Every structure is written in structure tokens, then in C-alpha cells.
Amino acid sequence: MTYLHKTALALTTALLTLASCGPDVPNVILPTIPAATVLQINGTRVLNATSIQFGVTALNGTTVVGTGQITNPAVAFTTPGVTGSVSVCGQITAQNVVTAAVTLDATGSMSSTDPAENRKLAAKAFVDRLTGDSQAAVLSFEASSTPTAGLLASRLQQAMTGDKALLNMAIDNATYASGSTNFYDAVIDAVKIAKDSGRSNPIVLALTDGEDNSSNNTATEAIAYAKTNNVPVYAVGLDATNTINFSEMERIASETGGLFRSNISSGDLNDYFSKLYNAFTAQGCVQLNLATAPATGSTIEGTLTLDITDTGKAAATLNVPFSYTAR
């Protein structure tokens, strides 16, 4: 073999060796931290007999997830004969500042529906979660007491403030039981306090254990006032006997852009108030689209499945059971 041949062979061998090595390929590190670990339902918003929206919040442990996208919604109904689909009606929207007018039922029936005064503990836990520039006001309502000047039916126990000591004292003062139910007037009062605060995105959180029997205003008038002032009403119905018709209360929440929750035990109030606080800070929306309208009074149950995706995090597929009563 000549020198020239040897040189060519060596060069070819070197080139083949380099080609076999190829360029350096960086190691791709896939994200391992999930976008979320828990999905919760904050409440319902009934658009009509076949269209029901759920406010949903994703969490990592107990920390509210304020970013990310909801994708691939699915539903599995467990109620026989019920069929339909689910769609995303709103992506996760977060806000760091909460402005809430909290109005608590102080009617006589509360002595039997909430004898342990769990509403007090729930409201104080809600206040404890206020951070930064967040503020709340506290009202109580019942028909036997003289309302605060300028209000229809309510005692303003504490004007809008971020002072937790003052708010907790107001909650103590709002926890009593006397008189009948003037819920619609109380909603108007709470909306007024929320609106008059002059703060952005105010909401009303309202608790009652009964149907209105003392207001001068109707549910329709309460809805109109809230909508005019752009204040959604988030309503919690406490039904210790599971016999109360909360149709109008649910309508107030739904038509003002709030959410409705009902329960049959005052022991659930802390969990409900906590979920509604989560709703105020960050939530998305999914909508059930039923094939046919369920019978009034029937309970619709099933499981929602959603994917939560977020930049730099592993996609999470989450399930949450749901149950609501057709009214």
C-alpha cells in the first residue's frame, strides 16, 4: 500500500469514527412536579334544566393553583338513565385580592340547625385566610331587629376591613338566633356594602338555613340589584332536615354569576366556606350538558375528569365526584 493510500485510509477511518459519534445531544429532563394533585368543586351554577356549571379549583396539596389550562374534560354519570357531555366554560382565572361582604343568618331556627355554632368557626376560618390587601365586611340578618341605618334588613357588624381581630369580633356578634328570614333583603344589603367599598371585584358570601318569609323585596329584585352593581352572590344553604326548597337561593347565585352550595349538616360549613374562598382566589369552569332534563328533585351524580397542564410542570389527570339536586 502506498503512502497516499495509507493516508486516504486513515482519513476515511477518522471521518467514519466522527460520524458514528454524531453531535452532542443534551439530556432532556422531563418535568416531574405535577401541575396539580387535587381537583375540587366549589359550587354549582344552573343555567337551565340541562346546562349546569361547576366552579372548579385545582390544588397542589392544599395550595391553590392559580395558573394552567383545563383540557380533555370527561364525565361518567352514576345516576341511571342520565347521559350527556361536559365542556370547559372557563379557564383558570386567579386574583390575589379578595373583597367579600359576608352575611350570616341569625334567625331563630339557627339555634336548632347549627347548635354548635359551626358557622362562627367557618366564618373565622374564612377571615383567617385573608392575605395582603384582601378585606371583608360582616353582616347578620333576621327580621326581629332594627337594621343598621341605610340598610333594609341587616345589622352591619363590621364595615369592610382587613383587620382580622375586628372581623372575628363581628362574627361573634353576628352569631345569635332570633326572628324570621328576610334573605332577599339581606342579599341587597350585602351587595350594597360590597359595592360601596369601591374596591375591585367585590363578592357576597351569604348563608341561610331557610326559605325567605319576611323580605319586602323578591328574589328577582335581589338578582337585578346584584347584576346592576356587578356583584356575584355565592350562597350556602344549610338544610339540617334536607327538606328546604332552595330554588330561589340557587337562582340568585346562578343568575348573578356566583355559585350555590347546599348541605345537610352544619359540620360541613367550614369545608364549604374554604372551597368558596378558593373560588374567589382561583377557579375555572366546566359545564354539564345533559341529554334530557332530569325530574325536579332528583339527584344527579357522577365523576368529572380533567387534565391540568402548566408550563414547566407535568400534566395531571384529576377526578372529582359531583352531586347536585335538580330544582
Protein backbone atom coordinates (compact mmCIF):
# COMPACT_ATOMS: atom_id res chain seq x y z
CA MET A 1 0.00 0.00 0.00
CA THR A 2 1.41 3.36 -0.98
CA TYR A 3 1.80 6.25 1.38
CA LEU A 4 -1.02 8.05 -0.42
CA HIS A 5 -3.32 5.08 0.02
CA LYS A 6 -2.43 4.81 3.70
CA THR A 7 -3.16 8.49 4.25
CA ALA A 8 -6.53 8.25 2.50
CA LEU A 9 -7.46 5.18 4.53
CA ALA A 10 -6.56 6.88 7.80
CA LEU A 11 -8.57 9.96 6.87
CA THR A 12 -11.60 7.87 5.91
CA THR A 13 -11.39 5.92 9.17
CA ALA A 14 -11.25 9.15 11.17
CA LEU A 15 -14.26 10.60 9.36
CA LEU A 16 -16.29 7.44 9.90
CA THR A 17 -15.38 7.48 13.58
CA LEU A 18 -16.52 11.09 13.93
CA ALA A 19 -19.74 10.38 12.04
CA SER A 20 -20.55 7.46 14.29
CA CYS A 21 -20.17 9.66 17.36
CA GLY A 22 -22.54 12.29 15.99
CA PRO A 23 -23.19 15.68 17.59
CA ASP A 24 -23.60 16.03 21.34
CA VAL A 25 -27.31 15.61 22.25
CA PRO A 26 -28.29 17.29 25.51
CA ASN A 27 -30.19 15.23 28.05
CA VAL A 28 -33.88 16.20 28.08
CA ILE A 29 -35.17 16.44 31.65
CA LEU A 30 -38.93 16.00 31.75
CA PRO A 31 -40.82 17.86 34.49
CA THR A 32 -41.79 15.73 37.47
CA ILE A 33 -43.68 18.25 39.60
CA PRO A 34 -47.37 17.90 38.67
CA ALA A 35 -49.44 20.86 37.58
CA ALA A 36 -51.94 19.87 40.29
CA THR A 37 -52.71 16.98 42.62
CA VAL A 38 -56.30 17.65 43.69
CA LEU A 39 -59.43 18.91 41.96
CA GLN A 40 -62.33 20.31 43.96
CA ILE A 41 -65.81 21.53 43.07
CA ASN A 42 -66.64 24.87 44.68
CA GLY A 43 -70.33 25.02 43.81
CA THR A 44 -72.92 24.94 41.04
CA ARG A 45 -74.39 27.49 38.67
CA VAL A 46 -77.59 26.36 36.96
CA LEU A 47 -78.15 27.95 33.55
CA ASN A 48 -81.21 25.86 32.72
CA ALA A 49 -82.56 22.35 33.29
CA THR A 50 -79.92 20.72 31.08
CA SER A 51 -76.95 23.09 31.49
CA ILE A 52 -75.17 23.09 34.84
CA GLN A 53 -71.83 24.72 35.50
CA PHE A 54 -69.33 23.78 38.21
CA GLY A 55 -66.74 26.16 39.59
CA VAL A 56 -63.56 24.09 39.97
CA THR A 57 -60.25 24.79 41.66
CA ALA A 58 -57.05 22.79 41.22
CA LEU A 59 -54.66 22.42 44.13
CA ASN A 60 -51.18 21.13 44.78
CA GLY A 61 -51.74 19.57 48.17
CA THR A 62 -53.56 22.41 49.93
CA THR A 63 -52.08 25.21 47.80
CA VAL A 64 -54.43 26.78 45.26
CA VAL A 65 -53.17 26.56 41.67
CA GLY A 66 -53.52 29.96 40.04
CA THR A 67 -52.19 29.12 36.56
CA GLY A 68 -52.58 26.39 33.99
CA GLN A 69 -55.10 25.15 31.46
CA ILE A 70 -58.08 22.82 31.75
CA THR A 71 -58.18 20.31 28.89
CA ASN A 72 -59.77 16.98 27.93
CA PRO A 73 -62.89 17.18 30.14
CA ALA A 74 -64.87 13.96 30.53
CA VAL A 75 -67.84 12.85 32.61
CA ALA A 76 -69.07 9.48 33.86
CA PHE A 77 -72.62 9.52 35.25
CA THR A 78 -73.55 7.09 38.01
CA THR A 79 -77.22 8.09 38.11
CA PRO A 80 -79.14 5.54 35.99
CA GLY A 81 -80.59 6.86 32.76
CA VAL A 82 -78.63 10.13 32.76
CA THR A 83 -76.45 10.89 29.75
CA GLY A 84 -74.68 13.95 28.44
CA SER A 85 -71.35 15.61 27.85
CA VAL A 86 -69.04 18.09 29.56
CA SER A 87 -67.17 21.11 28.21
CA VAL A 88 -64.82 23.79 29.52
CA CYS A 89 -66.71 27.04 30.14
CA GLY A 90 -63.82 29.00 31.64
CA GLN A 91 -60.08 28.60 32.11
CA ILE A 92 -58.39 29.09 35.48
CA THR A 93 -58.53 32.76 36.48
CA ALA A 94 -56.72 33.99 39.57
CA GLN A 95 -56.92 37.11 41.70
CA ASN A 96 -54.74 37.91 44.69
CA VAL A 97 -57.14 40.29 46.43
CA VAL A 98 -60.48 39.18 47.90
CA THR A 99 -63.24 41.67 48.76
CA ALA A 100 -66.17 39.91 50.42
CA ALA A 101 -69.33 41.01 52.20
CA VAL A 102 -70.19 38.04 54.42
CA THR A 103 -73.81 37.92 55.59
CA LEU A 104 -74.83 35.34 58.19
CA ASP A 105 -78.30 34.05 59.02
CA ALA A 106 -79.16 34.95 62.62
CA THR A 107 -82.78 33.76 62.53
CA GLY A 108 -84.33 31.75 65.34
CA SER A 109 -84.04 28.43 63.51
CA MET A 110 -80.25 28.64 63.60
CA SER A 111 -80.38 27.54 67.24
CA SER A 112 -81.53 24.11 66.06
CA THR A 113 -79.85 23.85 62.64
CA ASP A 114 -76.45 24.99 63.94
CA PRO A 115 -76.49 24.48 67.73
CA ALA A 116 -72.69 24.12 67.84
CA GLU A 117 -72.32 27.47 66.03
CA ASN A 118 -70.19 25.95 63.31
CA ARG A 119 -70.98 28.98 61.16
CA LYS A 120 -68.87 31.05 63.54
CA LEU A 121 -65.89 28.73 63.15
CA ALA A 122 -66.32 28.60 59.36
CA ALA A 123 -66.53 32.38 59.01
CA LYS A 124 -63.46 32.87 61.22
CA ALA A 125 -61.50 30.33 59.18
CA PHE A 126 -62.52 32.27 56.06
CA VAL A 127 -61.25 35.50 57.63
CA ASP A 128 -58.01 33.83 58.66
CA ARG A 129 -57.21 33.15 55.01
CA LEU A 130 -57.37 36.82 54.02
CA THR A 131 -53.96 37.96 52.81
CA GLY A 132 -52.34 41.15 51.58
CA ASP A 133 -54.89 43.80 50.68
CA SER A 134 -57.89 41.46 50.99
CA GLN A 135 -60.81 42.74 53.05
CA ALA A 136 -64.19 41.59 54.32
CA ALA A 137 -67.30 43.00 55.94
CA VAL A 138 -69.64 41.10 58.28
CA LEU A 139 -73.43 41.40 58.41
CA SER A 140 -76.18 39.47 60.19
CA PHE A 141 -79.84 39.30 59.22
CA GLU A 142 -83.16 38.41 60.83
CA ALA A 143 -86.48 40.20 60.88
CA SER A 144 -86.86 40.99 64.59
CA SER A 145 -84.03 43.53 64.97
CA THR A 146 -83.73 47.10 63.77
CA PRO A 147 -81.36 47.16 60.79
CA THR A 148 -78.34 49.42 60.58
CA ALA A 149 -79.16 52.85 59.16
CA GLY A 150 -79.21 52.76 55.37
CA LEU A 151 -79.85 49.01 55.21
CA LEU A 152 -83.10 47.11 54.66
CA ALA A 153 -82.81 44.11 56.94
CA SER A 154 -79.27 43.65 58.19
CA ARG A 155 -77.02 44.66 61.01
CA LEU A 156 -73.63 45.75 59.75
CA GLN A 157 -71.45 44.16 62.39
CA GLN A 158 -68.22 45.32 60.75
CA ALA A 159 -67.56 47.53 57.74
CA MET A 160 -65.04 46.48 55.12
CA THR A 161 -61.62 45.95 56.69
CA GLY A 162 -58.57 43.71 56.65
CA ASP A 163 -58.30 43.76 60.45
CA LYS A 164 -58.87 40.13 61.42
CA ALA A 165 -59.40 40.90 65.11
CA LEU A 166 -62.26 43.27 64.27
CA LEU A 167 -63.74 40.79 61.81
CA ASN A 168 -63.63 37.93 64.32
CA MET A 169 -65.33 40.11 66.93
CA ALA A 170 -68.01 40.96 64.39
CA ILE A 171 -68.54 37.27 63.63
CA ASP A 172 -69.07 36.64 67.36
CA ASN A 173 -71.67 39.42 67.41
CA ALA A 174 -73.35 38.04 64.29
CA THR A 175 -73.74 34.57 65.79
CA TYR A 176 -77.11 34.58 67.51
CA ALA A 177 -80.61 33.27 66.77
CA SER A 178 -83.78 35.42 66.70
CA GLY A 179 -86.57 36.26 64.28
CA SER A 180 -87.68 35.15 60.82
CA THR A 181 -85.91 35.01 57.45
CA ASN A 182 -85.51 38.11 55.26
CA PHE A 183 -82.88 36.67 52.95
CA TYR A 184 -83.68 38.63 49.78
CA ASP A 185 -83.45 41.97 51.60
CA ALA A 186 -80.23 40.77 53.25
CA VAL A 187 -78.70 39.98 49.86
CA ILE A 188 -79.45 43.52 48.68
CA ASP A 189 -77.83 44.89 51.86
CA ALA A 190 -74.70 42.80 51.38
CA VAL A 191 -74.44 43.82 47.72
CA LYS A 192 -74.70 47.46 48.79
CA ILE A 193 -71.86 47.07 51.31
CA ALA A 194 -69.72 45.27 48.72
CA LYS A 195 -70.42 47.91 46.06
CA ASP A 196 -69.91 50.88 48.38
CA SER A 197 -66.44 49.63 49.29
CA GLY A 198 -65.26 50.99 45.94
CA ARG A 199 -62.93 48.02 45.58
CA SER A 200 -62.42 45.84 42.52
CA ASN A 201 -64.32 42.58 42.00
CA PRO A 202 -66.35 42.50 45.23
CA ILE A 203 -68.48 39.46 46.02
CA VAL A 204 -71.15 38.45 48.54
CA LEU A 205 -70.97 35.27 50.62
CA ALA A 206 -74.39 34.51 52.09
CA LEU A 207 -75.51 31.77 54.49
CA THR A 208 -79.09 30.85 55.38
CA ASP A 209 -80.92 27.83 56.74
CA GLY A 210 -84.37 28.57 55.39
CA GLU A 211 -86.68 29.96 52.77
CA ASP A 212 -87.41 33.69 52.77
CA ASN A 213 -90.62 34.62 54.59
CA SER A 214 -90.11 38.25 55.62
CA SER A 215 -88.45 40.31 52.86
CA ASN A 216 -90.04 43.30 51.20
CA ASN A 217 -88.10 42.51 48.02
CA THR A 218 -88.37 39.45 45.81
CA ALA A 219 -85.59 37.16 44.62
CA THR A 220 -85.91 38.73 41.18
CA GLU A 221 -85.36 42.20 42.64
CA ALA A 222 -82.33 40.99 44.60
CA ILE A 223 -80.90 39.49 41.41
CA ALA A 224 -81.48 42.70 39.46
CA TYR A 225 -79.74 44.80 42.13
CA ALA A 226 -76.73 42.48 42.25
CA LYS A 227 -76.43 42.36 38.46
CA THR A 228 -76.75 46.13 38.14
CA ASN A 229 -73.87 46.55 40.57
CA ASN A 230 -71.84 43.65 39.12
CA VAL A 231 -71.62 41.80 42.44
CA PRO A 232 -71.93 37.98 42.24
CA VAL A 233 -73.62 36.22 45.15
CA TYR A 234 -72.12 32.98 46.47
CA ALA A 235 -74.80 31.27 48.54
CA VAL A 236 -74.65 28.43 51.07
CA GLY A 237 -77.90 26.73 52.07
CA LEU A 238 -77.87 24.96 55.43
CA ASP A 239 -80.61 22.32 55.41
CA ALA A 240 -80.40 20.21 58.55
CA THR A 241 -83.57 18.27 57.65
CA ASN A 242 -82.93 18.03 53.89
CA THR A 243 -86.40 19.45 53.27
CA ILE A 244 -85.80 23.12 52.38
CA ASN A 245 -86.56 24.33 48.86
CA PHE A 246 -83.54 26.39 47.90
CA SER A 247 -84.70 27.06 44.33
CA GLU A 248 -84.77 30.85 44.68
CA MET A 249 -81.49 30.93 46.58
CA GLU A 250 -79.88 28.84 43.86
CA ARG A 251 -81.36 31.16 41.24
CA ILE A 252 -79.87 34.22 42.95
CA ALA A 253 -76.41 32.64 42.93
CA SER A 254 -76.68 31.35 39.37
CA GLU A 255 -78.10 34.47 37.74
CA THR A 256 -75.66 36.85 39.44
CA GLY A 257 -72.63 34.79 38.36
CA GLY A 258 -71.93 33.29 41.76
CA LEU A 259 -72.12 29.69 42.94
CA PHE A 260 -74.54 27.72 45.11
CA ARG A 261 -73.86 25.00 47.66
CA SER A 262 -76.25 23.24 49.99
CA ASN A 263 -75.63 20.74 52.73
CA ILE A 264 -77.50 18.89 55.45
CA SER A 265 -75.04 19.35 58.31
CA SER A 266 -73.58 22.47 59.89
CA GLY A 267 -70.40 20.47 60.34
CA ASP A 268 -69.81 20.87 56.59
CA LEU A 269 -69.74 24.67 56.76
CA ASN A 270 -66.01 25.01 57.35
CA ASP A 271 -65.27 22.93 54.25
CA TYR A 272 -67.83 24.86 52.19
CA PHE A 273 -66.53 28.28 53.22
CA SER A 274 -62.98 27.13 52.48
CA LYS A 275 -63.93 25.98 48.99
CA LEU A 276 -65.69 29.24 48.27
CA TYR A 277 -62.60 31.16 49.37
CA ASN A 278 -60.65 29.06 46.87
CA ALA A 279 -63.24 30.02 44.25
CA PHE A 280 -62.61 33.70 44.92
CA THR A 281 -58.85 33.33 44.51
CA ALA A 282 -58.55 30.95 41.52
CA GLN A 283 -61.03 28.80 39.64
CA GLY A 284 -62.08 27.52 36.26
CA CYS A 285 -65.45 26.38 34.96
CA VAL A 286 -66.79 23.16 33.44
CA GLN A 287 -70.32 22.68 32.15
CA LEU A 288 -72.53 19.61 32.11
CA ASN A 289 -74.75 19.37 29.06
CA LEU A 290 -77.46 16.82 29.81
CA ALA A 291 -79.25 14.99 27.01
CA THR A 292 -82.63 15.45 28.73
CA ALA A 293 -83.88 17.48 31.67
CA PRO A 294 -83.95 15.45 34.92
CA ALA A 295 -87.05 15.30 37.07
CA THR A 296 -87.36 18.07 39.65
CA GLY A 297 -86.00 16.90 42.98
CA SER A 298 -83.84 14.16 41.50
CA THR A 299 -80.16 13.89 42.39
CA ILE A 300 -77.63 13.70 39.56
CA GLU A 301 -74.30 12.12 40.42
CA GLY A 302 -71.11 11.16 38.62
CA THR A 303 -67.41 11.87 38.26
CA LEU A 304 -65.64 14.62 36.34
CA THR A 305 -62.19 14.02 34.84
CA LEU A 306 -59.96 16.88 33.71
CA ASP A 307 -56.37 17.38 32.62
CA ILE A 308 -54.50 20.31 34.14
CA THR A 309 -51.45 21.45 32.16
CA ASP A 310 -48.96 24.18 33.02
CA THR A 311 -45.62 25.31 31.61
CA GLY A 312 -42.69 23.56 33.24
CA LYS A 313 -44.85 21.04 35.08
CA ALA A 314 -46.08 17.54 34.40
CA ALA A 315 -49.65 17.29 33.11
CA ALA A 316 -52.08 15.98 35.71
CA THR A 317 -55.25 13.97 35.13
CA LEU A 318 -57.62 14.56 38.04
CA ASN A 319 -61.00 13.15 39.05
CA VAL A 320 -63.66 14.62 41.32
CA PRO A 321 -67.13 13.26 42.17
CA PHE A 322 -70.15 15.55 41.84
CA SER A 323 -73.71 15.57 43.06
CA TYR A 324 -76.45 18.14 42.63
CA THR A 325 -80.20 18.31 43.01
CA ALA A 326 -82.40 19.32 40.07
CA ARG A 327 -84.74 22.09 41.25
